[in-house]
């Protein structure tokens, strides 16, 4: 009888392991390519190899990006074996301007459908909505996990940095889209991006308190959050303002959540410093290198489990 019970238990655990799907989901504002960043030592060509290594080391399966121009996205794709992305430029609906692209591991996911809409009263073409300063786009994809067949919809966006009304109306628009998808297809949803509001803002609360989507931070089993998500290219910046978020419907169990503060070392240029270096045994080395971050935002990463 004992052997029979153990066998039954092993079989049950085996079935559960087959039906359980773990995924690493993330959102990463990669910072657009600008001349001023090159002049300050944070040029794209210098930092993106480390940005890609961060993604590979933490084993992202699917993730949203913000601010990236097409050339930047192609640079990333070239160093992310097996990955592809979906998304269009916000300025022309094709290649021009910043993207809210979604990268995914092609060995793990099939893209069944995908598209883009603008955060505006007019959603089907490039335009500026409400009191926003710039056109803002949301990219979405219907993904199917190849092993289990689990299917979900992933939305990624970058809300406006100026328009208070635009951010609130964008949140309402997204909730309508998620609700429509749920009613039409019964599929779970993920929403990620740079929302340009922190956890204390009313725009954030529209989503977090909607009853439809939950902030991964609030429901995670384990949270690693020693800092906010915007660093302004200062590795030592310290506040708790989370403006990059991942929201999910109830089908996802969030096992862990982290704001990843990985840095890399770069040689210090010969510009004279106004303050002296601290004396110590490693003084010479400290004069040669400085800590830098791959973007002016820290990425947010979560591990989720879905049990069918």
C-alpha atoms as a PDB file:
ATOM      1  CA  UNK A   1       0.000   0.000   0.000  1.00  0.00           C
ATOM      2  CA  UNK A   2       2.855   2.378   0.879  1.00  0.00           C
ATOM      3  CA  UNK A   3       4.549   1.721  -2.476  1.00  0.00           C
ATOM      4  CA  UNK A   4       1.243   2.332  -4.280  1.00  0.00           C
ATOM      5  CA  UNK A   5       0.782   5.661  -2.479  1.00  0.00           C
ATOM      6  CA  UNK A   6       4.322   6.785  -3.329  1.00  0.00           C
ATOM      7  CA  UNK A   7       3.830   5.816  -6.966  1.00  0.00           C
ATOM      8  CA  UNK A   8       0.573   7.765  -7.130  1.00  0.00           C
ATOM      9  CA  UNK A   9       2.220  10.780  -5.515  1.00  0.00           C
ATOM     10  CA  UNK A  10       5.132  10.655  -7.965  1.00  0.00           C
ATOM     11  CA  UNK A  11       2.682  10.480 -10.870  1.00  0.00           C
ATOM     12  CA  UNK A  12       0.719  13.453  -9.556  1.00  0.00           C
ATOM     13  CA  UNK A  13       3.884  15.540  -9.132  1.00  0.00           C
ATOM     14  CA  UNK A  14       4.962  14.574 -12.627  1.00  0.00           C
ATOM     15  CA  UNK A  15       1.642  15.787 -14.070  1.00  0.00           C
ATOM     16  CA  UNK A  16       1.884  19.041 -12.134  1.00  0.00           C
ATOM     17  CA  UNK A  17       5.420  19.646 -13.378  1.00  0.00           C
ATOM     18  CA  UNK A  18       4.262  19.167 -16.965  1.00  0.00           C
ATOM     19  CA  UNK A  19       1.357  21.586 -16.549  1.00  0.00           C
ATOM     20  CA  UNK A  20       3.350  24.198 -14.625  1.00  0.00           C
ATOM     21  CA  UNK A  21       5.054  26.817 -16.772  1.00  0.00           C
ATOM     22  CA  UNK A  22       7.802  29.038 -15.403  1.00  0.00           C
ATOM     23  CA  UNK A  23       8.777  32.180 -17.293  1.00  0.00           C
ATOM     24  CA  UNK A  24      11.181  35.048 -16.740  1.00  0.00           C
ATOM     25  CA  UNK A  25       9.451  38.276 -17.757  1.00  0.00           C
ATOM     26  CA  UNK A  26      11.057  41.708 -17.686  1.00  0.00           C
ATOM     27  CA  UNK A  27      10.748  45.321 -18.732  1.00  0.00           C
ATOM     28  CA  UNK A  28      13.742  47.442 -19.669  1.00  0.00           C
ATOM     29  CA  UNK A  29      13.911  51.074 -20.754  1.00  0.00           C
ATOM     30  CA  UNK A  30      17.132  50.823 -22.752  1.00  0.00           C
ATOM     31  CA  UNK A  31      17.562  54.600 -23.245  1.00  0.00           C
ATOM     32  CA  UNK A  32      17.472  56.027 -26.734  1.00  0.00           C
ATOM     33  CA  UNK A  33      20.629  56.716 -28.706  1.00  0.00           C
ATOM     34  CA  UNK A  34      21.801  60.318 -28.189  1.00  0.00           C
ATOM     35  CA  UNK A  35      24.949  62.327 -28.847  1.00  0.00           C
ATOM     36  CA  UNK A  36      24.877  63.781 -25.332  1.00  0.00           C
ATOM     37  CA  UNK A  37      25.222  60.287 -23.863  1.00  0.00           C
ATOM     38  CA  UNK A  38      28.365  59.693 -25.912  1.00  0.00           C
ATOM     39  CA  UNK A  39      29.801  62.945 -24.601  1.00  0.00           C
ATOM     40  CA  UNK A  40      29.097  61.961 -20.999  1.00  0.00           C
ATOM     41  CA  UNK A  41      30.586  58.469 -21.370  1.00  0.00           C
ATOM     42  CA  UNK A  42      27.272  56.613 -21.649  1.00  0.00           C
ATOM     43  CA  UNK A  43      27.154  56.098 -25.406  1.00  0.00           C
ATOM     44  CA  UNK A  44      25.057  53.265 -26.805  1.00  0.00           C
ATOM     45  CA  UNK A  45      28.008  51.451 -28.384  1.00  0.00           C
ATOM     46  CA  UNK A  46      29.780  51.395 -25.028  1.00  0.00           C
ATOM     47  CA  UNK A  47      26.885  50.231 -22.891  1.00  0.00           C
ATOM     48  CA  UNK A  48      24.728  47.943 -25.007  1.00  0.00           C
ATOM     49  CA  UNK A  49      27.092  44.923 -24.909  1.00  0.00           C
ATOM     50  CA  UNK A  50      26.709  44.972 -21.118  1.00  0.00           C
ATOM     51  CA  UNK A  51      22.969  45.535 -21.395  1.00  0.00           C
ATOM     52  CA  UNK A  52      22.675  42.413 -23.549  1.00  0.00           C
ATOM     53  CA  UNK A  53      24.929  40.408 -21.233  1.00  0.00           C
ATOM     54  CA  UNK A  54      22.691  41.384 -18.305  1.00  0.00           C
ATOM     55  CA  UNK A  55      19.668  40.075 -20.209  1.00  0.00           C
ATOM     56  CA  UNK A  56      21.401  36.825 -21.090  1.00  0.00           C
ATOM     57  CA  UNK A  57      22.835  36.259 -17.615  1.00  0.00           C
ATOM     58  CA  UNK A  58      19.454  36.702 -15.927  1.00  0.00           C
ATOM     59  CA  UNK A  59      17.890  34.493 -18.608  1.00  0.00           C
ATOM     60  CA  UNK A  60      14.976  36.654 -19.685  1.00  0.00           C
ATOM     61  CA  UNK A  61      12.453  34.625 -21.698  1.00  0.00           C
ATOM     62  CA  UNK A  62      10.277  37.505 -22.856  1.00  0.00           C
ATOM     63  CA  UNK A  63      10.611  41.202 -22.133  1.00  0.00           C
ATOM     64  CA  UNK A  64       9.427  44.631 -23.136  1.00  0.00           C
ATOM     65  CA  UNK A  65      11.742  47.473 -24.118  1.00  0.00           C
ATOM     66  CA  UNK A  66      11.173  51.200 -24.223  1.00  0.00           C
ATOM     67  CA  UNK A  67      12.838  54.087 -26.088  1.00  0.00           C
ATOM     68  CA  UNK A  68      14.782  51.913 -28.509  1.00  0.00           C
ATOM     69  CA  UNK A  69      15.305  53.005 -32.090  1.00  0.00           C
ATOM     70  CA  UNK A  70      15.273  50.270 -34.719  1.00  0.00           C
ATOM     71  CA  UNK A  71      19.077  50.323 -35.019  1.00  0.00           C
ATOM     72  CA  UNK A  72      19.369  49.720 -31.271  1.00  0.00           C
ATOM     73  CA  UNK A  73      16.885  46.857 -31.361  1.00  0.00           C
ATOM     74  CA  UNK A  74      18.814  45.272 -34.220  1.00  0.00           C
ATOM     75  CA  UNK A  75      22.067  45.644 -32.252  1.00  0.00           C
ATOM     76  CA  UNK A  76      20.457  43.789 -29.364  1.00  0.00           C
ATOM     77  CA  UNK A  77      18.987  41.076 -31.575  1.00  0.00           C
ATOM     78  CA  UNK A  78      22.403  40.418 -33.107  1.00  0.00           C
ATOM     79  CA  UNK A  79      23.763  39.573 -29.641  1.00  0.00           C
ATOM     80  CA  UNK A  80      20.715  37.687 -28.358  1.00  0.00           C
ATOM     81  CA  UNK A  81      20.887  34.291 -30.089  1.00  0.00           C
ATOM     82  CA  UNK A  82      17.462  32.839 -30.752  1.00  0.00           C
ATOM     83  CA  UNK A  83      15.560  36.026 -29.944  1.00  0.00           C
ATOM     84  CA  UNK A  84      13.344  38.127 -32.158  1.00  0.00           C
ATOM     85  CA  UNK A  85      11.152  41.166 -31.486  1.00  0.00           C
ATOM     86  CA  UNK A  86       7.859  42.726 -32.521  1.00  0.00           C
ATOM     87  CA  UNK A  87       6.949  46.407 -32.581  1.00  0.00           C
ATOM     88  CA  UNK A  88       6.884  49.529 -34.736  1.00  0.00           C
ATOM     89  CA  UNK A  89       8.205  53.058 -34.482  1.00  0.00           C
ATOM     90  CA  UNK A  90       5.812  55.433 -32.805  1.00  0.00           C
ATOM     91  CA  UNK A  91       6.386  58.264 -35.294  1.00  0.00           C
ATOM     92  CA  UNK A  92       5.264  56.537 -38.507  1.00  0.00           C
ATOM     93  CA  UNK A  93       3.923  53.113 -37.506  1.00  0.00           C
ATOM     94  CA  UNK A  94       6.870  51.467 -39.271  1.00  0.00           C
ATOM     95  CA  UNK A  95      10.528  52.168 -38.516  1.00  0.00           C
ATOM     96  CA  UNK A  96      10.761  55.804 -37.458  1.00  0.00           C
ATOM     97  CA  UNK A  97      11.087  56.876 -33.842  1.00  0.00           C
ATOM     98  CA  UNK A  98      11.144  55.089 -30.526  1.00  0.00           C
ATOM     99  CA  UNK A  99       9.655  51.606 -30.201  1.00  0.00           C
ATOM    100  CA  UNK A 100       7.918  49.771 -27.362  1.00  0.00           C
ATOM    101  CA  UNK A 101       9.207  46.471 -28.708  1.00  0.00           C
ATOM    102  CA  UNK A 102       8.748  43.032 -27.162  1.00  0.00           C
ATOM    103  CA  UNK A 103      11.646  40.567 -27.386  1.00  0.00           C
ATOM    104  CA  UNK A 104      10.972  36.841 -27.030  1.00  0.00           C
ATOM    105  CA  UNK A 105      12.853  33.552 -27.149  1.00  0.00           C
ATOM    106  CA  UNK A 106      11.804  31.906 -30.400  1.00  0.00           C
ATOM    107  CA  UNK A 107      12.659  28.448 -29.047  1.00  0.00           C
ATOM    108  CA  UNK A 108      10.070  28.900 -26.278  1.00  0.00           C
ATOM    109  CA  UNK A 109       7.292  30.962 -27.852  1.00  0.00           C
ATOM    110  CA  UNK A 110       5.267  31.164 -31.030  1.00  0.00           C
ATOM    111  CA  UNK A 111       3.738  34.527 -31.969  1.00  0.00           C
ATOM    112  CA  UNK A 112       0.159  33.855 -33.018  1.00  0.00           C
ATOM    113  CA  UNK A 113      -0.827  37.484 -33.608  1.00  0.00           C
ATOM    114  CA  UNK A 114       0.643  40.893 -32.923  1.00  0.00           C
ATOM    115  CA  UNK A 115      -0.087  44.550 -33.457  1.00  0.00           C
ATOM    116  CA  UNK A 116       0.277  48.084 -32.211  1.00  0.00           C
ATOM    117  CA  UNK A 117      -2.026  50.890 -31.105  1.00  0.00           C
ATOM    118  CA  UNK A 118      -1.465  54.468 -30.043  1.00  0.00           C
ATOM    119  CA  UNK A 119      -2.199  55.808 -26.585  1.00  0.00           C
ATOM    120  CA  UNK A 120      -4.665  58.371 -27.823  1.00  0.00           C
ATOM    121  CA  UNK A 121      -8.294  58.999 -28.700  1.00  0.00           C
ATOM    122  CA  UNK A 122      -7.256  57.773 -32.181  1.00  0.00           C
ATOM    123  CA  UNK A 123      -5.618  54.392 -31.663  1.00  0.00           C
ATOM    124  CA  UNK A 124      -4.988  53.087 -35.182  1.00  0.00           C
ATOM    125  CA  UNK A 125      -2.348  55.535 -36.445  1.00  0.00           C
ATOM    126  CA  UNK A 126       0.476  57.744 -35.156  1.00  0.00           C
ATOM    127  CA  UNK A 127      -0.789  60.822 -33.296  1.00  0.00           C
ATOM    128  CA  UNK A 128      -0.490  62.646 -29.986  1.00  0.00           C
ATOM    129  CA  UNK A 129      -3.255  61.922 -27.483  1.00  0.00           C
ATOM    130  CA  UNK A 130      -4.858  64.157 -24.864  1.00  0.00           C
ATOM    131  CA  UNK A 131      -2.270  66.444 -23.202  1.00  0.00           C
ATOM    132  CA  UNK A 132       0.747  64.279 -24.104  1.00  0.00           C
ATOM    133  CA  UNK A 133       3.940  65.880 -25.380  1.00  0.00           C
ATOM    134  CA  UNK A 134       4.750  63.086 -27.833  1.00  0.00           C
ATOM    135  CA  UNK A 135       3.077  60.221 -29.686  1.00  0.00           C
ATOM    136  CA  UNK A 136       2.995  57.087 -27.543  1.00  0.00           C
ATOM    137  CA  UNK A 137       2.551  53.545 -28.809  1.00  0.00           C
ATOM    138  CA  UNK A 138       1.676  50.201 -27.217  1.00  0.00           C
ATOM    139  CA  UNK A 139       2.866  46.965 -28.829  1.00  0.00           C
ATOM    140  CA  UNK A 140       1.037  43.711 -28.126  1.00  0.00           C
ATOM    141  CA  UNK A 141       1.490  40.075 -29.035  1.00  0.00           C
ATOM    142  CA  UNK A 142      -0.404  36.842 -28.513  1.00  0.00           C
ATOM    143  CA  UNK A 143       2.203  34.282 -27.482  1.00  0.00           C
ATOM    144  CA  UNK A 144       1.947  30.517 -27.129  1.00  0.00           C
ATOM    145  CA  UNK A 145       4.453  28.615 -25.032  1.00  0.00           C
ATOM    146  CA  UNK A 146       5.617  25.745 -27.193  1.00  0.00           C
ATOM    147  CA  UNK A 147       5.954  23.042 -24.531  1.00  0.00           C
ATOM    148  CA  UNK A 148       2.659  23.464 -22.682  1.00  0.00           C
ATOM    149  CA  UNK A 149       0.542  25.376 -25.178  1.00  0.00           C
ATOM    150  CA  UNK A 150      -0.100  28.085 -22.595  1.00  0.00           C
ATOM    151  CA  UNK A 151      -1.288  31.173 -24.466  1.00  0.00           C
ATOM    152  CA  UNK A 152      -1.314  34.753 -23.199  1.00  0.00           C
ATOM    153  CA  UNK A 153      -1.319  38.338 -24.425  1.00  0.00           C
ATOM    154  CA  UNK A 154       1.620  40.626 -23.691  1.00  0.00           C
ATOM    155  CA  UNK A 155       1.312  44.426 -23.856  1.00  0.00           C
ATOM    156  CA  UNK A 156       4.281  46.790 -23.624  1.00  0.00           C
ATOM    157  CA  UNK A 157       4.179  50.586 -23.583  1.00  0.00           C
ATOM    158  CA  UNK A 158       5.888  53.847 -22.671  1.00  0.00           C
ATOM    159  CA  UNK A 159       3.490  56.408 -21.222  1.00  0.00           C
ATOM    160  CA  UNK A 160       3.962  60.123 -21.687  1.00  0.00           C
ATOM    161  CA  UNK A 161       6.328  61.983 -19.371  1.00  0.00           C
ATOM    162  CA  UNK A 162       4.325  65.239 -19.372  1.00  0.00           C
ATOM    163  CA  UNK A 163       0.614  64.590 -19.839  1.00  0.00           C
ATOM    164  CA  UNK A 164      -1.167  63.789 -16.581  1.00  0.00           C
ATOM    165  CA  UNK A 165      -4.468  63.323 -18.390  1.00  0.00           C
ATOM    166  CA  UNK A 166      -2.719  61.270 -21.075  1.00  0.00           C
ATOM    167  CA  UNK A 167      -1.306  58.843 -18.516  1.00  0.00           C
ATOM    168  CA  UNK A 168      -4.663  58.390 -16.799  1.00  0.00           C
ATOM    169  CA  UNK A 169      -6.533  57.932 -20.080  1.00  0.00           C
ATOM    170  CA  UNK A 170      -3.828  55.548 -21.336  1.00  0.00           C
ATOM    171  CA  UNK A 171      -4.334  53.401 -18.234  1.00  0.00           C
ATOM    172  CA  UNK A 172      -8.089  53.327 -18.857  1.00  0.00           C
ATOM    173  CA  UNK A 173      -7.508  52.422 -22.511  1.00  0.00           C
ATOM    174  CA  UNK A 174      -5.244  49.533 -21.571  1.00  0.00           C
ATOM    175  CA  UNK A 175      -7.741  48.208 -19.044  1.00  0.00           C
ATOM    176  CA  UNK A 176     -10.465  48.262 -21.698  1.00  0.00           C
ATOM    177  CA  UNK A 177      -8.196  46.327 -24.070  1.00  0.00           C
ATOM    178  CA  UNK A 178      -7.388  43.717 -21.423  1.00  0.00           C
ATOM    179  CA  UNK A 179     -11.056  43.399 -20.462  1.00  0.00           C
ATOM    180  CA  UNK A 180     -12.064  42.977 -24.101  1.00  0.00           C
ATOM    181  CA  UNK A 181      -9.426  40.292 -24.650  1.00  0.00           C
ATOM    182  CA  UNK A 182     -10.511  38.464 -21.530  1.00  0.00           C
ATOM    183  CA  UNK A 183     -14.159  38.489 -22.550  1.00  0.00           C
ATOM    184  CA  UNK A 184     -13.431  37.588 -26.172  1.00  0.00           C
ATOM    185  CA  UNK A 185     -10.733  34.953 -25.798  1.00  0.00           C
ATOM    186  CA  UNK A 186     -10.427  34.207 -22.080  1.00  0.00           C
ATOM    187  CA  UNK A 187      -6.678  34.726 -22.204  1.00  0.00           C
ATOM    188  CA  UNK A 188      -4.469  35.966 -19.364  1.00  0.00           C
ATOM    189  CA  UNK A 189      -2.503  39.176 -19.907  1.00  0.00           C
ATOM    190  CA  UNK A 190       0.810  40.793 -19.017  1.00  0.00           C
ATOM    191  CA  UNK A 191       1.363  44.551 -19.157  1.00  0.00           C
ATOM    192  CA  UNK A 192       4.841  46.032 -18.802  1.00  0.00           C
ATOM    193  CA  UNK A 193       6.617  49.271 -19.524  1.00  0.00           C
ATOM    194  CA  UNK A 194       7.818  52.660 -18.414  1.00  0.00           C
ATOM    195  CA  UNK A 195       4.713  54.311 -16.972  1.00  0.00           C
ATOM    196  CA  UNK A 196       6.428  57.546 -15.916  1.00  0.00           C
ATOM    197  CA  UNK A 197       4.555  57.406 -12.591  1.00  0.00           C
ATOM    198  CA  UNK A 198       5.565  55.761  -9.352  1.00  0.00           C
ATOM    199  CA  UNK A 199       3.581  53.638  -6.939  1.00  0.00           C
ATOM    200  CA  UNK A 200       2.101  56.661  -5.159  1.00  0.00           C
ATOM    201  CA  UNK A 201       0.545  58.223  -8.268  1.00  0.00           C
ATOM    202  CA  UNK A 202      -3.168  58.112  -9.088  1.00  0.00           C
ATOM    203  CA  UNK A 203      -2.353  56.916 -12.609  1.00  0.00           C
ATOM    204  CA  UNK A 204      -0.566  53.895 -11.182  1.00  0.00           C
ATOM    205  CA  UNK A 205      -3.470  53.189  -8.843  1.00  0.00           C
ATOM    206  CA  UNK A 206      -5.902  53.068 -11.752  1.00  0.00           C
ATOM    207  CA  UNK A 207      -4.125  49.894 -12.825  1.00  0.00           C
ATOM    208  CA  UNK A 208      -2.999  48.445  -9.511  1.00  0.00           C
ATOM    209  CA  UNK A 209      -6.433  48.822  -7.898  1.00  0.00           C
ATOM    210  CA  UNK A 210      -8.468  47.908 -10.983  1.00  0.00           C
ATOM    211  CA  UNK A 211      -9.287  44.406  -9.799  1.00  0.00           C
ATOM    212  CA  UNK A 212      -8.297  43.234 -13.266  1.00  0.00           C
ATOM    213  CA  UNK A 213      -4.498  43.488 -13.133  1.00  0.00           C
ATOM    214  CA  UNK A 214      -2.076  43.261 -10.215  1.00  0.00           C
ATOM    215  CA  UNK A 215       1.338  44.835  -9.724  1.00  0.00           C
ATOM    216  CA  UNK A 216       3.875  41.992  -9.691  1.00  0.00           C
ATOM    217  CA  UNK A 217       5.723  43.806  -6.910  1.00  0.00           C
ATOM    218  CA  UNK A 218       2.709  43.577  -4.602  1.00  0.00           C
ATOM    219  CA  UNK A 219       2.005  39.869  -5.074  1.00  0.00           C
ATOM    220  CA  UNK A 220       5.503  38.376  -5.399  1.00  0.00           C
ATOM    221  CA  UNK A 221       6.647  35.709  -2.955  1.00  0.00           C
ATOM    222  CA  UNK A 222      10.082  37.336  -2.783  1.00  0.00           C
ATOM    223  CA  UNK A 223      11.014  40.943  -3.572  1.00  0.00           C
ATOM    224  CA  UNK A 224      14.482  42.382  -4.223  1.00  0.00           C
ATOM    225  CA  UNK A 225      14.017  46.166  -4.346  1.00  0.00           C
ATOM    226  CA  UNK A 226      16.806  48.151  -2.770  1.00  0.00           C
ATOM    227  CA  UNK A 227      16.232  51.151  -5.050  1.00  0.00           C
ATOM    228  CA  UNK A 228      13.787  52.740  -7.515  1.00  0.00           C
ATOM    229  CA  UNK A 229      13.874  52.023 -11.239  1.00  0.00           C
ATOM    230  CA  UNK A 230      15.202  55.319 -12.692  1.00  0.00           C
ATOM    231  CA  UNK A 231      18.892  55.971 -12.071  1.00  0.00           C
ATOM    232  CA  UNK A 232      19.704  58.855 -14.498  1.00  0.00           C
ATOM    233  CA  UNK A 233      23.014  57.053 -15.242  1.00  0.00           C
ATOM    234  CA  UNK A 234      24.038  57.333 -11.578  1.00  0.00           C
ATOM    235  CA  UNK A 235      24.742  53.874 -10.100  1.00  0.00           C
ATOM    236  CA  UNK A 236      24.595  55.301  -6.579  1.00  0.00           C
ATOM    237  CA  UNK A 237      21.189  56.974  -6.963  1.00  0.00           C
ATOM    238  CA  UNK A 238      18.904  56.041  -4.089  1.00  0.00           C
ATOM    239  CA  UNK A 239      15.131  56.424  -3.868  1.00  0.00           C
ATOM    240  CA  UNK A 240      12.140  54.083  -3.883  1.00  0.00           C
ATOM    241  CA  UNK A 241      10.247  55.468  -6.886  1.00  0.00           C
ATOM    242  CA  UNK A 242       9.243  52.624  -9.173  1.00  0.00           C
ATOM    243  CA  UNK A 243       8.180  54.070 -12.542  1.00  0.00           C
ATOM    244  CA  UNK A 244       8.775  50.855 -14.516  1.00  0.00           C
ATOM    245  CA  UNK A 245       6.145  48.225 -13.739  1.00  0.00           C
ATOM    246  CA  UNK A 246       4.860  44.790 -14.646  1.00  0.00           C
ATOM    247  CA  UNK A 247       1.149  44.095 -14.166  1.00  0.00           C
ATOM    248  CA  UNK A 248      -0.501  40.700 -14.594  1.00  0.00           C
ATOM    249  CA  UNK A 249      -3.901  39.089 -14.471  1.00  0.00           C
ATOM    250  CA  UNK A 250      -4.704  36.558 -11.773  1.00  0.00           C
ATOM    251  CA  UNK A 251      -3.525  33.493 -13.709  1.00  0.00           C
ATOM    252  CA  UNK A 252       0.123  34.269 -12.952  1.00  0.00           C
ATOM    253  CA  UNK A 253       1.777  33.362  -9.668  1.00  0.00           C
ATOM    254  CA  UNK A 254       4.770  35.653  -9.139  1.00  0.00           C
ATOM    255  CA  UNK A 255       7.554  33.717  -7.461  1.00  0.00           C
ATOM    256  CA  UNK A 256      10.111  36.533  -7.353  1.00  0.00           C
ATOM    257  CA  UNK A 257      10.497  40.173  -8.310  1.00  0.00           C
ATOM    258  CA  UNK A 258      13.720  42.129  -8.675  1.00  0.00           C
ATOM    259  CA  UNK A 259      15.037  45.547  -9.676  1.00  0.00           C
ATOM    260  CA  UNK A 260      18.387  44.629 -11.230  1.00  0.00           C
ATOM    261  CA  UNK A 261      21.155  47.092 -10.399  1.00  0.00           C
ATOM    262  CA  UNK A 262      23.996  45.408 -12.307  1.00  0.00           C
ATOM    263  CA  UNK A 263      26.899  47.710 -13.209  1.00  0.00           C
ATOM    264  CA  UNK A 264      29.968  47.481 -15.406  1.00  0.00           C
ATOM    265  CA  UNK A 265      33.393  49.123 -15.217  1.00  0.00           C
ATOM    266  CA  UNK A 266      34.605  51.719 -17.703  1.00  0.00           C
ATOM    267  CA  UNK A 267      37.866  53.590 -17.915  1.00  0.00           C
ATOM    268  CA  UNK A 268      37.772  57.091 -16.527  1.00  0.00           C
ATOM    269  CA  UNK A 269      38.514  59.785 -19.084  1.00  0.00           C
ATOM    270  CA  UNK A 270      41.218  62.383 -18.545  1.00  0.00           C
ATOM    271  CA  UNK A 271      38.831  65.197 -17.588  1.00  0.00           C
ATOM    272  CA  UNK A 272      40.163  66.850 -14.400  1.00  0.00           C
ATOM    273  CA  UNK A 273      38.175  66.013 -11.274  1.00  0.00           C
ATOM    274  CA  UNK A 274      37.178  68.623  -8.734  1.00  0.00           C
ATOM    275  CA  UNK A 275      37.380  66.294  -5.747  1.00  0.00           C
ATOM    276  CA  UNK A 276      40.368  64.148  -4.652  1.00  0.00           C
ATOM    277  CA  UNK A 277      40.334  60.371  -4.712  1.00  0.00           C
ATOM    278  CA  UNK A 278      40.145  58.571  -1.389  1.00  0.00           C
ATOM    279  CA  UNK A 279      43.511  57.261  -0.296  1.00  0.00           C
ATOM    280  CA  UNK A 280      43.826  53.511   0.167  1.00  0.00           C
ATOM    281  CA  UNK A 281      45.559  50.360  -1.034  1.00  0.00           C
ATOM    282  CA  UNK A 282      43.696  50.386  -4.358  1.00  0.00           C
ATOM    283  CA  UNK A 283      44.134  54.068  -5.113  1.00  0.00           C
ATOM    284  CA  UNK A 284      45.808  53.544  -8.491  1.00  0.00           C
ATOM    285  CA  UNK A 285      43.122  51.148  -9.703  1.00  0.00           C
ATOM    286  CA  UNK A 286      40.361  53.459  -8.535  1.00  0.00           C
ATOM    287  CA  UNK A 287      41.785  56.229 -10.713  1.00  0.00           C
ATOM    288  CA  UNK A 288      41.443  54.116 -13.827  1.00  0.00           C
ATOM    289  CA  UNK A 289      37.878  52.832 -13.697  1.00  0.00           C
ATOM    290  CA  UNK A 290      34.402  53.918 -12.694  1.00  0.00           C
ATOM    291  CA  UNK A 291      31.108  52.069 -12.247  1.00  0.00           C
ATOM    292  CA  UNK A 292      28.501  52.651 -14.934  1.00  0.00           C
ATOM    293  CA  UNK A 293      25.028  51.292 -15.661  1.00  0.00           C
ATOM    294  CA  UNK A 294      23.830  49.974 -19.043  1.00  0.00           C
ATOM    295  CA  UNK A 295      20.839  52.346 -19.118  1.00  0.00           C
ATOM    296  CA  UNK A 296      19.355  55.262 -17.198  1.00  0.00           C
ATOM    297  CA  UNK A 297      16.687  52.822 -15.951  1.00  0.00           C
ATOM    298  CA  UNK A 298      17.198  49.623 -14.003  1.00  0.00           C
ATOM    299  CA  UNK A 299      15.342  46.662 -15.524  1.00  0.00           C
ATOM    300  CA  UNK A 300      12.526  45.001 -13.606  1.00  0.00           C
ATOM    301  CA  UNK A 301      12.494  41.194 -13.739  1.00  0.00           C
ATOM    302  CA  UNK A 302       9.988  38.675 -12.428  1.00  0.00           C
ATOM    303  CA  UNK A 303       9.728  34.903 -12.400  1.00  0.00           C
ATOM    304  CA  UNK A 304       6.186  33.642 -12.773  1.00  0.00           C
ATOM    305  CA  UNK A 305       4.559  30.254 -12.636  1.00  0.00           C
ATOM    306  CA  UNK A 306       1.385  29.323 -14.423  1.00  0.00           C
ATOM    307  CA  UNK A 307      -0.426  26.121 -13.502  1.00  0.00           C
ATOM    308  CA  UNK A 308      -3.043  25.086 -16.049  1.00  0.00           C
END
